[in-house]
Amino acid sequence: MQRQHLLSHHKYLTIDVWMKGFVDQLLTLTHTQWLCRNLTKHHKTMGTKALALAVREEIQKEVEEQLHMGFSD
């Protein structure tokens, strides 16, 4: 179907050239998604690990404050 479309609308673009461009676009897209996922998952200051660590530290501070207040408070 794509070959027929190219023959009728794009006289100078062959199916081989079109397919190479299509595959290149797919690889670029999936590689970009993979890079984004790795950045958000593993980045030390901006990733989800950093966010989880910040939340954990906040909870730990709150627990320590509660302990310092004692059981009567």
PDB file of N, CA and C in Angstrom:
ATOM      1  N   MET A   1       0.837  -1.194   0.000  1.00  0.00           N
ATOM      2  CA  MET A   1       0.000   0.000   0.000  1.00  0.00           C
ATOM      3  C   MET A   1       0.877   1.252   0.000  1.00  0.00           C
ATOM      4  N   GLN A   2       1.930   1.233   0.816  1.00  0.00           N
ATOM      5  CA  GLN A   2       2.800   2.403   0.879  1.00  0.00           C
ATOM      6  C   GLN A   2       3.516   2.615  -0.458  1.00  0.00           C
ATOM      7  N   ARG A   3       3.915   1.522  -1.097  1.00  0.00           N
ATOM      8  CA  ARG A   3       4.581   1.640  -2.406  1.00  0.00           C
ATOM      9  C   ARG A   3       3.656   2.303  -3.420  1.00  0.00           C
ATOM     10  N   GLN A   4       2.392   1.893  -3.426  1.00  0.00           N
ATOM     11  CA  GLN A   4       1.429   2.492  -4.351  1.00  0.00           C
ATOM     12  C   GLN A   4       1.243   3.982  -4.064  1.00  0.00           C
ATOM     13  N   HIS A   5       1.165   4.318  -2.807  1.00  0.00           N
ATOM     14  CA  HIS A   5       1.019   5.724  -2.433  1.00  0.00           C
ATOM     15  C   HIS A   5       2.229   6.531  -2.894  1.00  0.00           C
ATOM     16  N   LEU A   6       3.424   5.994  -2.657  1.00  0.00           N
ATOM     17  CA  LEU A   6       4.632   6.705  -3.065  1.00  0.00           C
ATOM     18  C   LEU A   6       4.708   6.866  -4.579  1.00  0.00           C
ATOM     19  N   LEU A   7       4.323   5.830  -5.303  1.00  0.00           N
ATOM     20  CA  LEU A   7       4.349   5.923  -6.761  1.00  0.00           C
ATOM     21  C   LEU A   7       3.404   6.998  -7.285  1.00  0.00           C
ATOM     22  N   SER A   8       2.270   7.171  -6.623  1.00  0.00           N
ATOM     23  CA  SER A   8       1.295   8.142  -7.122  1.00  0.00           C
ATOM     24  C   SER A   8       1.512   9.559  -6.584  1.00  0.00           C
ATOM     25  N   HIS A   9       2.194   9.714  -5.452  1.00  0.00           N
ATOM     26  CA  HIS A   9       2.325  11.045  -4.861  1.00  0.00           C
ATOM     27  C   HIS A   9       3.763  11.559  -4.747  1.00  0.00           C
ATOM     28  N   HIS A  10       4.712  10.674  -4.657  1.00  0.00           N
ATOM     29  CA  HIS A  10       6.112  11.077  -4.456  1.00  0.00           C
ATOM     30  C   HIS A  10       6.977  10.315  -5.461  1.00  0.00           C
ATOM     31  N   LYS A  11       7.116  10.842  -6.632  1.00  0.00           N
ATOM     32  CA  LYS A  11       7.792  10.147  -7.731  1.00  0.00           C
ATOM     33  C   LYS A  11       9.254   9.834  -7.428  1.00  0.00           C
ATOM     34  N   TYR A  12       9.936  10.642  -6.602  1.00  0.00           N
ATOM     35  CA  TYR A  12      11.367  10.469  -6.381  1.00  0.00           C
ATOM     36  C   TYR A  12      11.693   9.717  -5.092  1.00  0.00           C
ATOM     37  N   LEU A  13      10.695   9.320  -4.348  1.00  0.00           N
ATOM     38  CA  LEU A  13      10.908   8.615  -3.091  1.00  0.00           C
ATOM     39  C   LEU A  13      10.555   7.141  -3.282  1.00  0.00           C
ATOM     40  N   THR A  14      11.563   6.273  -3.137  1.00  0.00           N
ATOM     41  CA  THR A  14      11.318   4.841  -3.314  1.00  0.00           C
ATOM     42  C   THR A  14      10.848   4.236  -1.992  1.00  0.00           C
ATOM     43  N   ILE A  15      10.295   3.043  -2.081  1.00  0.00           N
ATOM     44  CA  ILE A  15       9.824   2.349  -0.888  1.00  0.00           C
ATOM     45  C   ILE A  15      10.998   2.015   0.026  1.00  0.00           C
ATOM     46  N   ASP A  16      12.164   1.709  -0.541  1.00  0.00           N
ATOM     47  CA  ASP A  16      13.346   1.393   0.266  1.00  0.00           C
ATOM     48  C   ASP A  16      13.793   2.603   1.096  1.00  0.00           C
ATOM     49  N   VAL A  17      13.853   3.749   0.459  1.00  0.00           N
ATOM     50  CA  VAL A  17      14.254   4.975   1.164  1.00  0.00           C
ATOM     51  C   VAL A  17      13.211   5.325   2.224  1.00  0.00           C
ATOM     52  N   TRP A  18      11.947   5.192   1.876  1.00  0.00           N
ATOM     53  CA  TRP A  18      10.893   5.494   2.840  1.00  0.00           C
ATOM     54  C   TRP A  18      10.971   4.562   4.049  1.00  0.00           C
ATOM     55  N   MET A  19      11.183   3.251   3.803  1.00  0.00           N
ATOM     56  CA  MET A  19      11.239   2.278   4.894  1.00  0.00           C
ATOM     57  C   MET A  19      12.453   2.531   5.792  1.00  0.00           C
ATOM     58  N   LYS A  20      13.586   2.881   5.212  1.00  0.00           N
ATOM     59  CA  LYS A  20      14.765   3.200   6.019  1.00  0.00           C
ATOM     60  C   LYS A  20      14.477   4.408   6.924  1.00  0.00           C
ATOM     61  N   GLY A  21      13.823   5.407   6.380  1.00  0.00           N
ATOM     62  CA  GLY A  21      13.460   6.578   7.186  1.00  0.00           C
ATOM     63  C   GLY A  21      12.462   6.231   8.277  1.00  0.00           C
ATOM     64  N   PHE A  22      11.510   5.365   7.948  1.00  0.00           N
ATOM     65  CA  PHE A  22      10.503   4.937   8.922  1.00  0.00           C
ATOM     66  C   PHE A  22      11.146   4.179  10.082  1.00  0.00           C
ATOM     67  N   VAL A  23      12.022   3.233   9.764  1.00  0.00           N
ATOM     68  CA  VAL A  23      12.708   2.463  10.798  1.00  0.00           C
ATOM     69  C   VAL A  23      13.598   3.379  11.633  1.00  0.00           C
ATOM     70  N   ASP A  24      14.270   4.324  10.989  1.00  0.00           N
ATOM     71  CA  ASP A  24      15.101   5.282  11.718  1.00  0.00           C
ATOM     72  C   ASP A  24      14.257   6.093  12.705  1.00  0.00           C
ATOM     73  N   GLN A  25      13.086   6.519  12.284  1.00  0.00           N
ATOM     74  CA  GLN A  25      12.198   7.273  13.178  1.00  0.00           C
ATOM     75  C   GLN A  25      11.741   6.420  14.354  1.00  0.00           C
ATOM     76  N   LEU A  26      11.416   5.155  14.107  1.00  0.00           N
ATOM     77  CA  LEU A  26      11.002   4.259  15.191  1.00  0.00           C
ATOM     78  C   LEU A  26      12.131   4.037  16.194  1.00  0.00           C
ATOM     79  N   LEU A  27      13.339   3.811  15.689  1.00  0.00           N
ATOM     80  CA  LEU A  27      14.484   3.613  16.587  1.00  0.00           C
ATOM     81  C   LEU A  27      14.780   4.871  17.390  1.00  0.00           C
ATOM     82  N   THR A  28      14.686   6.017  16.752  1.00  0.00           N
ATOM     83  CA  THR A  28      14.904   7.280  17.462  1.00  0.00           C
ATOM     84  C   THR A  28      13.869   7.470  18.561  1.00  0.00           C
ATOM     85  N   LEU A  29      12.620   7.171  18.255  1.00  0.00           N
ATOM     86  CA  LEU A  29      11.547   7.308  19.238  1.00  0.00           C
ATOM     87  C   LEU A  29      11.755   6.385  20.430  1.00  0.00           C
ATOM     88  N   THR A  30      12.027   5.100  20.169  1.00  0.00           N
ATOM     89  CA  THR A  30      12.188   4.158  21.277  1.00  0.00           C
ATOM     90  C   THR A  30      13.448   4.461  22.082  1.00  0.00           C
ATOM     91  N   HIS A  31      14.509   4.903  21.433  1.00  0.00           N
ATOM     92  CA  HIS A  31      15.736   5.254  22.162  1.00  0.00           C
ATOM     93  C   HIS A  31      15.501   6.473  23.050  1.00  0.00           C
ATOM     94  N   THR A  32      14.778   7.453  22.549  1.00  0.00           N
ATOM     95  CA  THR A  32      14.466   8.645  23.340  1.00  0.00           C
ATOM     96  C   THR A  32      13.618   8.276  24.552  1.00  0.00           C
ATOM     97  N   GLN A  33      12.638   7.391  24.362  1.00  0.00           N
ATOM     98  CA  GLN A  33      11.814   6.948  25.485  1.00  0.00           C
ATOM     99  C   GLN A  33      12.660   6.208  26.522  1.00  0.00           C
ATOM    100  N   TRP A  34      13.588   5.384  26.063  1.00  0.00           N
ATOM    101  CA  TRP A  34      14.469   4.644  26.958  1.00  0.00           C
ATOM    102  C   TRP A  34      15.360   5.593  27.753  1.00  0.00           C
ATOM    103  N   LEU A  35      15.908   6.608  27.088  1.00  0.00           N
ATOM    104  CA  LEU A  35      16.738   7.591  27.786  1.00  0.00           C
ATOM    105  C   LEU A  35      15.934   8.354  28.836  1.00  0.00           C
ATOM    106  N   CYS A  36      14.729   8.741  28.479  1.00  0.00           N
ATOM    107  CA  CYS A  36      13.864   9.457  29.419  1.00  0.00           C
ATOM    108  C   CYS A  36      13.533   8.587  30.615  1.00  0.00           C
ATOM    109  N   ARG A  37      13.208   7.335  30.381  1.00  0.00           N
ATOM    110  CA  ARG A  37      12.897   6.412  31.472  1.00  0.00           C
ATOM    111  C   ARG A  37      14.103   6.234  32.390  1.00  0.00           C
ATOM    112  N   ASN A  38      15.291   6.069  31.816  1.00  0.00           N
ATOM    113  CA  ASN A  38      16.486   5.909  32.636  1.00  0.00           C
ATOM    114  C   ASN A  38      16.783   7.161  33.450  1.00  0.00           C
ATOM    115  N   LEU A  39      16.575   8.320  32.853  1.00  0.00           N
ATOM    116  CA  LEU A  39      16.809   9.563  33.574  1.00  0.00           C
ATOM    117  C   LEU A  39      15.870   9.693  34.764  1.00  0.00           C
ATOM    118  N   THR A  40      14.603   9.428  34.547  1.00  0.00           N
ATOM    119  CA  THR A  40      13.648   9.581  35.649  1.00  0.00           C
ATOM    120  C   THR A  40      13.815   8.499  36.703  1.00  0.00           C
ATOM    121  N   LYS A  41      14.287   7.332  36.316  1.00  0.00           N
ATOM    122  CA  LYS A  41      14.435   6.232  37.265  1.00  0.00           C
ATOM    123  C   LYS A  41      15.745   6.293  38.036  1.00  0.00           C
ATOM    124  N   HIS A  42      16.836   6.668  37.382  1.00  0.00           N
ATOM    125  CA  HIS A  42      18.151   6.506  37.989  1.00  0.00           C
ATOM    126  C   HIS A  42      18.913   7.796  38.268  1.00  0.00           C
ATOM    127  N   HIS A  43      18.435   8.937  37.815  1.00  0.00           N
ATOM    128  CA  HIS A  43      19.181  10.174  38.012  1.00  0.00           C
ATOM    129  C   HIS A  43      19.280  10.507  39.495  1.00  0.00           C
ATOM    130  N   LYS A  44      20.454  10.901  39.942  1.00  0.00           N
ATOM    131  CA  LYS A  44      20.717  11.110  41.379  1.00  0.00           C
ATOM    132  C   LYS A  44      19.920  12.275  41.971  1.00  0.00           C
ATOM    133  N   THR A  45      19.720  13.341  41.221  1.00  0.00           N
ATOM    134  CA  THR A  45      19.055  14.519  41.788  1.00  0.00           C
ATOM    135  C   THR A  45      17.657  14.760  41.253  1.00  0.00           C
ATOM    136  N   MET A  46      17.334  14.197  40.076  1.00  0.00           N
ATOM    137  CA  MET A  46      16.034  14.482  39.480  1.00  0.00           C
ATOM    138  C   MET A  46      15.153  13.251  39.325  1.00  0.00           C
ATOM    139  N   GLY A  47      15.699  12.072  39.555  1.00  0.00           N
ATOM    140  CA  GLY A  47      14.950  10.842  39.313  1.00  0.00           C
ATOM    141  C   GLY A  47      14.036  10.463  40.453  1.00  0.00           C
ATOM    142  N   THR A  48      13.314   9.360  40.271  1.00  0.00           N
ATOM    143  CA  THR A  48      12.367   8.902  41.284  1.00  0.00           C
ATOM    144  C   THR A  48      13.086   8.407  42.534  1.00  0.00           C
ATOM    145  N   LYS A  49      14.325   7.908  42.368  1.00  0.00           N
ATOM    146  CA  LYS A  49      15.091   7.504  43.545  1.00  0.00           C
ATOM    147  C   LYS A  49      15.351   8.698  44.455  1.00  0.00           C
ATOM    148  N   ALA A  50      15.699   9.842  43.866  1.00  0.00           N
ATOM    149  CA  ALA A  50      15.954  11.044  44.651  1.00  0.00           C
ATOM    150  C   ALA A  50      14.681  11.497  45.355  1.00  0.00           C
ATOM    151  N   LEU A  51      13.547  11.419  44.665  1.00  0.00           N
ATOM    152  CA  LEU A  51      12.277  11.809  45.275  1.00  0.00           C
ATOM    153  C   LEU A  51      11.918  10.866  46.419  1.00  0.00           C
ATOM    154  N   ALA A  52      12.105   9.575  46.212  1.00  0.00           N
ATOM    155  CA  ALA A  52      11.805   8.599  47.265  1.00  0.00           C
ATOM    156  C   ALA A  52      12.713   8.817  48.467  1.00  0.00           C
ATOM    157  N   LEU A  53      13.972   9.124  48.220  1.00  0.00           N
ATOM    158  CA  LEU A  53      14.907   9.386  49.302  1.00  0.00           C
ATOM    159  C   LEU A  53      14.502  10.638  50.079  1.00  0.00           C
ATOM    160  N   ALA A  54      14.079  11.679  49.380  1.00  0.00           N
ATOM    161  CA  ALA A  54      13.641  12.906  50.044  1.00  0.00           C
ATOM    162  C   ALA A  54      12.422  12.648  50.918  1.00  0.00           C
ATOM    163  N   VAL A  55      11.465  11.884  50.430  1.00  0.00           N
ATOM    164  CA  VAL A  55      10.272  11.546  51.213  1.00  0.00           C
ATOM    165  C   VAL A  55      10.662  10.723  52.430  1.00  0.00           C
ATOM    166  N   ARG A  56      11.562   9.783  52.232  1.00  0.00           N
ATOM    167  CA  ARG A  56      12.008   8.944  53.348  1.00  0.00           C
ATOM    168  C   ARG A  56      12.697   9.783  54.424  1.00  0.00           C
ATOM    169  N   GLU A  57      13.548  10.719  54.006  1.00  0.00           N
ATOM    170  CA  GLU A  57      14.224  11.586  54.970  1.00  0.00           C
ATOM    171  C   GLU A  57      13.216  12.456  55.727  1.00  0.00           C
ATOM    172  N   GLU A  58      12.199  12.946  55.027  1.00  0.00           N
ATOM    173  CA  GLU A  58      11.161  13.762  55.662  1.00  0.00           C
ATOM    174  C   GLU A  58      10.399  12.951  56.705  1.00  0.00           C
ATOM    175  N   ILE A  59      10.068  11.730  56.372  1.00  0.00           N
ATOM    176  CA  ILE A  59       9.356  10.861  57.314  1.00  0.00           C
ATOM    177  C   ILE A  59      10.242  10.556  58.517  1.00  0.00           C
ATOM    178  N   GLN A  60      11.533  10.297  58.266  1.00  0.00           N
ATOM    179  CA  GLN A  60      12.461  10.007  59.353  1.00  0.00           C
ATOM    180  C   GLN A  60      12.573  11.200  60.308  1.00  0.00           C
ATOM    181  N   LYS A  61      12.613  12.408  59.778  1.00  0.00           N
ATOM    182  CA  LYS A  61      12.664  13.614  60.622  1.00  0.00           C
ATOM    183  C   LYS A  61      11.411  13.721  61.476  1.00  0.00           C
ATOM    184  N   GLU A  62      10.267  13.458  60.872  1.00  0.00           N
ATOM    185  CA  GLU A  62       9.008  13.534  61.613  1.00  0.00           C
ATOM    186  C   GLU A  62       8.975  12.485  62.728  1.00  0.00           C
ATOM    187  N   VAL A  63       9.451  11.283  62.460  1.00  0.00           N
ATOM    188  CA  VAL A  63       9.497  10.238  63.485  1.00  0.00           C
ATOM    189  C   VAL A  63      10.407  10.666  64.631  1.00  0.00           C
ATOM    190  N   GLU A  64      11.560  11.221  64.301  1.00  0.00           N
ATOM    191  CA  GLU A  64      12.486  11.672  65.344  1.00  0.00           C
ATOM    192  C   GLU A  64      11.888  12.800  66.179  1.00  0.00           C
ATOM    193  N   GLU A  65      11.182  13.733  65.535  1.00  0.00           N
ATOM    194  CA  GLU A  65      10.528  14.811  66.274  1.00  0.00           C
ATOM    195  C   GLU A  65       9.475  14.251  67.231  1.00  0.00           C
ATOM    196  N   GLN A  66       8.721  13.290  66.771  1.00  0.00           N
ATOM    197  CA  GLN A  66       7.705  12.667  67.607  1.00  0.00           C
ATOM    198  C   GLN A  66       8.349  11.954  68.799  1.00  0.00           C
ATOM    199  N   LEU A  67       9.461  11.294  68.580  1.00  0.00           N
ATOM    200  CA  LEU A  67      10.163  10.599  69.658  1.00  0.00           C
ATOM    201  C   LEU A  67      10.693  11.590  70.692  1.00  0.00           C
ATOM    202  N   HIS A  68      11.210  12.729  70.235  1.00  0.00           N
ATOM    203  CA  HIS A  68      11.737  13.736  71.148  1.00  0.00           C
ATOM    204  C   HIS A  68      10.637  14.374  71.994  1.00  0.00           C
ATOM    205  N   MET A  69       9.422  14.438  71.452  1.00  0.00           N
ATOM    206  CA  MET A  69       8.321  15.019  72.210  1.00  0.00           C
ATOM    207  C   MET A  69       7.901  14.112  73.354  1.00  0.00           C
ATOM    208  N   GLY A  70       8.159  12.854  73.226  1.00  0.00           N
ATOM    209  CA  GLY A  70       7.821  11.911  74.305  1.00  0.00           C
ATOM    210  C   GLY A  70       6.425  11.345  74.125  1.00  0.00           C
ATOM    211  N   PHE A  71       6.115  10.370  74.983  1.00  0.00           N
ATOM    212  CA  PHE A  71       4.833   9.682  74.879  1.00  0.00           C
ATOM    213  C   PHE A  71       3.693  10.496  75.456  1.00  0.00           C
ATOM    214  N   SER A  72       3.973  11.395  76.389  1.00  0.00           N
ATOM    215  CA  SER A  72       2.896  12.168  77.003  1.00  0.00           C
ATOM    216  C   SER A  72       2.334  13.216  76.058  1.00  0.00           C
ATOM    217  N   ASP A  73       3.121  13.678  75.082  1.00  0.00           N
ATOM    218  CA  ASP A  73       2.645  14.684  74.130  1.00  0.00           C
ATOM    219  C   ASP A  73       1.936  13.994  72.981  1.00  0.00           C
TER     220      ASP A  73
END
